[in-house]
């Protein structure tokens, strides 16, 4: 979770941060269906 910008600054700058719970959920699904994610390079 981002903490360096307040809510108003985040909105005004057009920043969007994916909630941690959603990242964890998607990662879990990828591990289940894709397998070893360590072999992939994300960037």
C-alpha atoms as a PDB file:
ATOM      1  CA  UNK A   1       0.000   0.000   0.000  1.00  0.00           C
ATOM      2  CA  UNK A   2       1.301   3.449  -0.842  1.00  0.00           C
ATOM      3  CA  UNK A   3       1.861   5.828   2.030  1.00  0.00           C
ATOM      4  CA  UNK A   4       3.941   8.594   0.480  1.00  0.00           C
ATOM      5  CA  UNK A   5       0.977  10.492  -1.019  1.00  0.00           C
ATOM      6  CA  UNK A   6      -2.217  11.595   0.628  1.00  0.00           C
ATOM      7  CA  UNK A   7      -5.570  10.665  -0.884  1.00  0.00           C
ATOM      8  CA  UNK A   8      -6.041  14.050  -2.563  1.00  0.00           C
ATOM      9  CA  UNK A   9      -2.537  14.072  -4.090  1.00  0.00           C
ATOM     10  CA  UNK A  10      -3.015  10.510  -5.331  1.00  0.00           C
ATOM     11  CA  UNK A  11      -6.250  11.493  -7.082  1.00  0.00           C
ATOM     12  CA  UNK A  12      -4.845  14.734  -8.495  1.00  0.00           C
ATOM     13  CA  UNK A  13      -1.747  13.003  -9.883  1.00  0.00           C
ATOM     14  CA  UNK A  14      -3.792  10.228 -11.471  1.00  0.00           C
ATOM     15  CA  UNK A  15      -1.987   7.557  -9.468  1.00  0.00           C
ATOM     16  CA  UNK A  16      -3.621   4.207  -8.928  1.00  0.00           C
ATOM     17  CA  UNK A  17      -2.368   1.435  -6.672  1.00  0.00           C
ATOM     18  CA  UNK A  18      -3.792  -2.053  -6.924  1.00  0.00           C
ATOM     19  CA  UNK A  19      -4.954  -3.178  -3.478  1.00  0.00           C
ATOM     20  CA  UNK A  20      -2.695  -5.772  -1.843  1.00  0.00           C
ATOM     21  CA  UNK A  21      -5.527  -8.289  -1.425  1.00  0.00           C
ATOM     22  CA  UNK A  22      -6.196  -8.228  -5.172  1.00  0.00           C
ATOM     23  CA  UNK A  23      -2.521  -8.680  -6.059  1.00  0.00           C
ATOM     24  CA  UNK A  24      -2.335 -11.648  -3.677  1.00  0.00           C
ATOM     25  CA  UNK A  25      -5.471 -13.213  -5.157  1.00  0.00           C
ATOM     26  CA  UNK A  26      -4.277 -12.909  -8.757  1.00  0.00           C
ATOM     27  CA  UNK A  27      -0.822 -14.205  -7.844  1.00  0.00           C
ATOM     28  CA  UNK A  28      -2.418 -17.216  -6.134  1.00  0.00           C
ATOM     29  CA  UNK A  29      -4.478 -17.971  -9.238  1.00  0.00           C
ATOM     30  CA  UNK A  30      -1.417 -17.686 -11.465  1.00  0.00           C
ATOM     31  CA  UNK A  31       0.503 -20.093  -9.245  1.00  0.00           C
ATOM     32  CA  UNK A  32      -2.400 -22.537  -9.346  1.00  0.00           C
ATOM     33  CA  UNK A  33      -2.928 -22.488 -13.119  1.00  0.00           C
ATOM     34  CA  UNK A  34       0.522 -21.588 -14.492  1.00  0.00           C
ATOM     35  CA  UNK A  35       2.767 -23.305 -11.976  1.00  0.00           C
ATOM     36  CA  UNK A  36       6.282 -22.176 -11.146  1.00  0.00           C
ATOM     37  CA  UNK A  37       6.227 -18.403 -11.585  1.00  0.00           C
ATOM     38  CA  UNK A  38       9.943 -18.215 -10.817  1.00  0.00           C
ATOM     39  CA  UNK A  39      10.675 -19.171 -14.426  1.00  0.00           C
ATOM     40  CA  UNK A  40       8.956 -16.053 -15.756  1.00  0.00           C
ATOM     41  CA  UNK A  41      10.369 -12.549 -15.860  1.00  0.00           C
ATOM     42  CA  UNK A  42       7.913  -9.808 -14.985  1.00  0.00           C
ATOM     43  CA  UNK A  43       8.890  -6.260 -15.702  1.00  0.00           C
END
